[in-house]
Amino acid sequence: MRAKTVGFAIADEDRALLEELVAEYGGGNRSEFLRYAMKKIARDRLAERMSTLQQEAREDMGGKIYTPEETQFLIKKILAS
């Protein structure tokens, strides 16, 4: 993996928390911690989006929960039209 150094600033009062998190999640390596944090945030963002889509779908269905069989039937019906 080719890496490029990037710089960013943090407030003095955040330094202790950064060091604590780096030790726990990055094994003392800030770069490793940042990679971990980016992946975690990306997963959290995806999970939030999926939850939002699920909620929107429930609202669109009027709160009805469809069985897998009903879902397959609806998919086939839509694809056939």
C-alpha atoms as a PDB file:
ATOM      1  CA  MET A   1       0.000   0.000   0.000  1.00  0.00           C
ATOM      2  CA  ARG A   2       1.358   3.367  -0.998  1.00  0.00           C
ATOM      3  CA  ALA A   3       0.799   5.915   1.748  1.00  0.00           C
ATOM      4  CA  LYS A   4       0.961   9.686   1.761  1.00  0.00           C
ATOM      5  CA  THR A   5       1.405  11.717   4.906  1.00  0.00           C
ATOM      6  CA  VAL A   6      -1.357  14.235   5.573  1.00  0.00           C
ATOM      7  CA  GLY A   7      -1.513  16.697   8.416  1.00  0.00           C
ATOM      8  CA  PHE A   8      -4.367  17.866  10.556  1.00  0.00           C
ATOM      9  CA  ALA A   9      -4.680  19.856  13.741  1.00  0.00           C
ATOM     10  CA  ILE A  10      -6.505  19.062  16.960  1.00  0.00           C
ATOM     11  CA  ALA A  11      -7.190  21.221  19.974  1.00  0.00           C
ATOM     12  CA  ASP A  12      -4.910  20.821  22.977  1.00  0.00           C
ATOM     13  CA  GLU A  13      -7.804  19.584  25.098  1.00  0.00           C
ATOM     14  CA  ASP A  14      -8.457  16.752  22.594  1.00  0.00           C
ATOM     15  CA  ARG A  15      -4.885  15.449  22.629  1.00  0.00           C
ATOM     16  CA  ALA A  16      -5.309  13.145  25.641  1.00  0.00           C
ATOM     17  CA  LEU A  17      -8.423  11.557  24.135  1.00  0.00           C
ATOM     18  CA  LEU A  18      -6.641  11.080  20.817  1.00  0.00           C
ATOM     19  CA  GLU A  19      -3.713   9.352  22.493  1.00  0.00           C
ATOM     20  CA  GLU A  20      -6.076   7.111  24.467  1.00  0.00           C
ATOM     21  CA  LEU A  21      -7.992   6.104  21.338  1.00  0.00           C
ATOM     22  CA  VAL A  22      -4.794   5.590  19.343  1.00  0.00           C
ATOM     23  CA  ALA A  23      -3.477   3.284  22.055  1.00  0.00           C
ATOM     24  CA  GLU A  24      -6.687   1.264  22.208  1.00  0.00           C
ATOM     25  CA  TYR A  25      -7.698   1.061  18.549  1.00  0.00           C
ATOM     26  CA  GLY A  26      -4.461   1.684  16.694  1.00  0.00           C
ATOM     27  CA  GLY A  27      -1.977  -0.137  18.873  1.00  0.00           C
ATOM     28  CA  GLY A  28      -0.189   3.169  19.452  1.00  0.00           C
ATOM     29  CA  ASN A  29      -0.021   3.913  15.721  1.00  0.00           C
ATOM     30  CA  ARG A  30      -1.961   7.030  14.684  1.00  0.00           C
ATOM     31  CA  SER A  31      -2.110   5.990  11.046  1.00  0.00           C
ATOM     32  CA  GLU A  32      -3.563   2.623  11.974  1.00  0.00           C
ATOM     33  CA  PHE A  33      -6.073   4.311  14.278  1.00  0.00           C
ATOM     34  CA  LEU A  34      -7.159   6.664  11.497  1.00  0.00           C
ATOM     35  CA  ARG A  35      -7.640   3.756   9.081  1.00  0.00           C
ATOM     36  CA  TYR A  36      -9.699   1.938  11.723  1.00  0.00           C
ATOM     37  CA  ALA A  37     -11.767   5.045  12.475  1.00  0.00           C
ATOM     38  CA  MET A  38     -12.466   5.713   8.788  1.00  0.00           C
ATOM     39  CA  LYS A  39     -13.657   2.136   8.213  1.00  0.00           C
ATOM     40  CA  LYS A  40     -15.813   2.225  11.351  1.00  0.00           C
ATOM     41  CA  ILE A  41     -17.398   5.544  10.406  1.00  0.00           C
ATOM     42  CA  ALA A  42     -18.055   4.299   6.860  1.00  0.00           C
ATOM     43  CA  ARG A  43     -19.776   1.169   8.268  1.00  0.00           C
ATOM     44  CA  ASP A  44     -21.806   3.276  10.690  1.00  0.00           C
ATOM     45  CA  ARG A  45     -22.842   5.607   7.858  1.00  0.00           C
ATOM     46  CA  LEU A  46     -23.962   2.640   5.743  1.00  0.00           C
ATOM     47  CA  ALA A  47     -25.894   1.126   8.665  1.00  0.00           C
ATOM     48  CA  GLU A  48     -27.624   4.455   9.290  1.00  0.00           C
ATOM     49  CA  ARG A  49     -28.561   4.750   5.611  1.00  0.00           C
ATOM     50  CA  MET A  50     -29.925   1.197   5.584  1.00  0.00           C
ATOM     51  CA  SER A  51     -31.952   1.913   8.721  1.00  0.00           C
ATOM     52  CA  THR A  52     -33.380   5.048   7.108  1.00  0.00           C
ATOM     53  CA  LEU A  53     -34.313   3.115   3.959  1.00  0.00           C
ATOM     54  CA  GLN A  54     -35.944   0.421   6.093  1.00  0.00           C
ATOM     55  CA  GLN A  55     -37.988   3.016   7.958  1.00  0.00           C
ATOM     56  CA  GLU A  56     -39.030   4.705   4.703  1.00  0.00           C
ATOM     57  CA  ALA A  57     -40.088   1.332   3.286  1.00  0.00           C
ATOM     58  CA  ARG A  58     -42.158   0.576   6.408  1.00  0.00           C
ATOM     59  CA  GLU A  59     -43.877   3.945   6.076  1.00  0.00           C
ATOM     60  CA  ASP A  60     -44.521   3.320   2.365  1.00  0.00           C
ATOM     61  CA  MET A  61     -46.079  -0.065   3.245  1.00  0.00           C
ATOM     62  CA  GLY A  62     -48.274   1.481   5.905  1.00  0.00           C
ATOM     63  CA  GLY A  63     -46.464  -0.416   8.634  1.00  0.00           C
ATOM     64  CA  LYS A  64     -47.224  -3.840   7.122  1.00  0.00           C
ATOM     65  CA  ILE A  65     -44.484  -6.431   7.487  1.00  0.00           C
ATOM     66  CA  TYR A  66     -44.328  -8.706   4.445  1.00  0.00           C
ATOM     67  CA  THR A  67     -43.341 -12.357   4.626  1.00  0.00           C
ATOM     68  CA  PRO A  68     -40.508 -13.551   2.374  1.00  0.00           C
ATOM     69  CA  GLU A  69     -43.126 -15.244   0.175  1.00  0.00           C
ATOM     70  CA  GLU A  70     -45.152 -12.040  -0.167  1.00  0.00           C
ATOM     71  CA  THR A  71     -41.971 -10.142  -0.987  1.00  0.00           C
ATOM     72  CA  GLN A  72     -41.026 -12.638  -3.717  1.00  0.00           C
ATOM     73  CA  PHE A  73     -44.549 -12.436  -5.147  1.00  0.00           C
ATOM     74  CA  LEU A  74     -44.398  -8.638  -5.292  1.00  0.00           C
ATOM     75  CA  ILE A  75     -40.965  -8.708  -6.937  1.00  0.00           C
ATOM     76  CA  LYS A  76     -42.150 -11.189  -9.588  1.00  0.00           C
ATOM     77  CA  LYS A  77     -45.278  -9.106 -10.177  1.00  0.00           C
ATOM     78  CA  ILE A  78     -43.249  -5.928 -10.682  1.00  0.00           C
ATOM     79  CA  LEU A  79     -40.721  -7.643 -12.953  1.00  0.00           C
ATOM     80  CA  ALA A  80     -43.520  -9.128 -15.068  1.00  0.00           C
ATOM     81  CA  SER A  81     -45.167  -5.761 -15.677  1.00  0.00           C
END
